[in-house]
Amino acid sequence: MKPDLSGTVGEGKLLFRASEAPRSREKDENGKDVPNKVTDGPFLFVTGTGRRA
């Protein structure tokens, strides 16, 4: 990120996929492991004045 959080510097890099974590699995009605849907992720918050935090 740029120091003022206004954009990125360089190319993005995939660190990991949340769906790869063992805890991201659940059992279906037959006891079979199935993946959960992972919806959380990091994001920038934009204040009412437009400042990014």
N, C-alpha and C. Protein backbone atom coordinates (compact mmCIF):
# COMPACT_ATOMS: atom_id res chain seq x y z
N MET A 1 0.83 -1.18 0.00
CA MET A 1 0.00 0.00 0.00
C MET A 1 0.88 1.24 0.00
N LYS A 2 0.34 2.26 -0.60
CA LYS A 2 1.00 3.56 -0.53
C LYS A 2 0.89 4.06 0.91
N PRO A 3 1.83 4.88 1.36
CA PRO A 3 1.79 5.36 2.75
C PRO A 3 0.46 6.02 3.13
N ASP A 4 -0.19 6.69 2.18
CA ASP A 4 -1.47 7.35 2.50
C ASP A 4 -2.68 6.45 2.22
N LEU A 5 -2.43 5.18 1.91
CA LEU A 5 -3.46 4.16 1.64
C LEU A 5 -4.32 4.49 0.42
N SER A 6 -3.81 5.33 -0.48
CA SER A 6 -4.58 5.72 -1.65
C SER A 6 -4.51 4.71 -2.79
N GLY A 7 -3.70 3.69 -2.67
CA GLY A 7 -3.57 2.69 -3.72
C GLY A 7 -2.49 1.69 -3.40
N THR A 8 -2.22 0.84 -4.35
CA THR A 8 -1.23 -0.21 -4.16
C THR A 8 0.09 0.17 -4.82
N VAL A 9 1.13 -0.53 -4.42
CA VAL A 9 2.44 -0.38 -5.01
C VAL A 9 2.88 -1.78 -5.43
N GLY A 10 3.12 -1.99 -6.70
CA GLY A 10 3.54 -3.31 -7.17
C GLY A 10 2.37 -4.25 -7.38
N GLU A 11 2.69 -5.49 -7.66
CA GLU A 11 1.70 -6.52 -7.93
C GLU A 11 1.23 -7.18 -6.64
N GLY A 12 -0.02 -7.62 -6.62
CA GLY A 12 -0.56 -8.36 -5.49
C GLY A 12 0.04 -9.76 -5.43
N LYS A 13 -0.01 -10.37 -4.26
CA LYS A 13 0.55 -11.71 -4.08
C LYS A 13 -0.42 -12.54 -3.24
N LEU A 14 -0.83 -13.69 -3.74
CA LEU A 14 -1.71 -14.57 -3.00
C LEU A 14 -0.94 -15.25 -1.88
N LEU A 15 -1.38 -15.06 -0.64
CA LEU A 15 -0.71 -15.67 0.50
C LEU A 15 -1.31 -17.04 0.83
N PHE A 16 -2.62 -17.11 0.85
CA PHE A 16 -3.32 -18.37 1.11
C PHE A 16 -4.79 -18.19 0.76
N ARG A 17 -5.50 -19.30 0.67
CA ARG A 17 -6.94 -19.28 0.45
C ARG A 17 -7.60 -19.74 1.76
N ALA A 18 -8.55 -18.99 2.22
CA ALA A 18 -9.23 -19.33 3.48
C ALA A 18 -9.88 -20.71 3.40
N SER A 19 -10.33 -21.10 2.22
CA SER A 19 -10.98 -22.40 2.06
C SER A 19 -10.01 -23.57 2.25
N GLU A 20 -8.70 -23.32 2.27
CA GLU A 20 -7.71 -24.38 2.48
C GLU A 20 -7.55 -24.76 3.95
N ALA A 21 -8.04 -23.91 4.85
CA ALA A 21 -7.89 -24.19 6.28
C ALA A 21 -8.80 -25.35 6.70
N PRO A 22 -8.29 -26.28 7.51
CA PRO A 22 -9.11 -27.41 7.94
C PRO A 22 -10.38 -26.95 8.66
N ARG A 23 -10.31 -25.84 9.37
CA ARG A 23 -11.48 -25.38 10.11
C ARG A 23 -12.55 -24.78 9.20
N SER A 24 -12.27 -24.66 7.89
CA SER A 24 -13.26 -24.12 6.98
C SER A 24 -14.15 -25.22 6.39
N ARG A 25 -14.15 -26.38 7.02
CA ARG A 25 -14.96 -27.51 6.55
C ARG A 25 -16.07 -27.81 7.55
N GLU A 26 -17.13 -28.42 7.06
CA GLU A 26 -18.20 -28.89 7.93
C GLU A 26 -18.68 -30.24 7.42
N LYS A 27 -19.48 -30.91 8.18
CA LYS A 27 -20.03 -32.20 7.78
C LYS A 27 -21.44 -32.00 7.22
N ASP A 28 -21.75 -32.70 6.12
CA ASP A 28 -23.12 -32.64 5.62
C ASP A 28 -23.98 -33.67 6.35
N GLU A 29 -25.21 -33.83 5.92
CA GLU A 29 -26.13 -34.74 6.61
C GLU A 29 -25.70 -36.20 6.55
N ASN A 30 -24.78 -36.55 5.64
CA ASN A 30 -24.27 -37.92 5.53
C ASN A 30 -22.91 -38.10 6.21
N GLY A 31 -22.43 -37.05 6.89
CA GLY A 31 -21.14 -37.13 7.58
C GLY A 31 -19.95 -36.87 6.68
N LYS A 32 -20.20 -36.44 5.44
CA LYS A 32 -19.13 -36.16 4.49
C LYS A 32 -18.62 -34.73 4.68
N ASP A 33 -17.28 -34.55 4.61
CA ASP A 33 -16.71 -33.22 4.71
C ASP A 33 -17.06 -32.40 3.47
N VAL A 34 -17.55 -31.20 3.70
CA VAL A 34 -17.86 -30.27 2.60
C VAL A 34 -17.29 -28.91 2.97
N PRO A 35 -16.89 -28.12 1.96
CA PRO A 35 -16.32 -26.80 2.26
C PRO A 35 -17.40 -25.81 2.70
N ASN A 36 -17.02 -24.95 3.63
CA ASN A 36 -17.87 -23.82 4.00
C ASN A 36 -17.62 -22.68 3.03
N LYS A 37 -18.48 -21.71 3.05
CA LYS A 37 -18.25 -20.50 2.26
C LYS A 37 -17.56 -19.48 3.17
N VAL A 38 -16.43 -18.98 2.74
CA VAL A 38 -15.68 -18.00 3.51
C VAL A 38 -15.98 -16.63 2.91
N THR A 39 -16.51 -15.71 3.71
CA THR A 39 -16.92 -14.42 3.18
C THR A 39 -16.14 -13.25 3.77
N ASP A 40 -15.40 -13.45 4.86
CA ASP A 40 -14.69 -12.35 5.49
C ASP A 40 -13.36 -12.10 4.81
N GLY A 41 -12.94 -10.87 4.82
CA GLY A 41 -11.66 -10.52 4.25
C GLY A 41 -11.29 -9.10 4.60
N PRO A 42 -10.03 -8.74 4.43
CA PRO A 42 -9.62 -7.38 4.75
C PRO A 42 -10.19 -6.38 3.75
N PHE A 43 -10.45 -5.20 4.21
CA PHE A 43 -10.95 -4.15 3.33
C PHE A 43 -10.60 -2.79 3.92
N LEU A 44 -10.62 -1.78 3.09
CA LEU A 44 -10.40 -0.42 3.56
C LEU A 44 -11.74 0.18 3.93
N PHE A 45 -11.77 0.92 5.01
CA PHE A 45 -12.97 1.63 5.44
C PHE A 45 -12.84 3.08 4.98
N VAL A 46 -13.84 3.60 4.33
CA VAL A 46 -13.83 4.98 3.89
C VAL A 46 -14.76 5.78 4.80
N THR A 47 -14.20 6.80 5.45
CA THR A 47 -14.99 7.62 6.38
C THR A 47 -15.93 8.54 5.61
N GLY A 48 -16.80 9.22 6.32
CA GLY A 48 -17.73 10.15 5.71
C GLY A 48 -17.06 11.30 4.98
N THR A 49 -15.83 11.61 5.36
CA THR A 49 -15.09 12.68 4.67
C THR A 49 -14.25 12.17 3.52
N GLY A 50 -14.31 10.85 3.27
CA GLY A 50 -13.55 10.27 2.18
C GLY A 50 -12.19 9.76 2.56
N ARG A 51 -11.83 9.90 3.83
CA ARG A 51 -10.53 9.39 4.30
C ARG A 51 -10.58 7.88 4.38
N ARG A 52 -9.52 7.23 3.92
CA ARG A 52 -9.45 5.76 3.96
C ARG A 52 -8.70 5.33 5.22
N ALA A 53 -9.25 4.37 5.90
CA ALA A 53 -8.65 3.90 7.16
C ALA A 53 -8.51 2.41 7.15
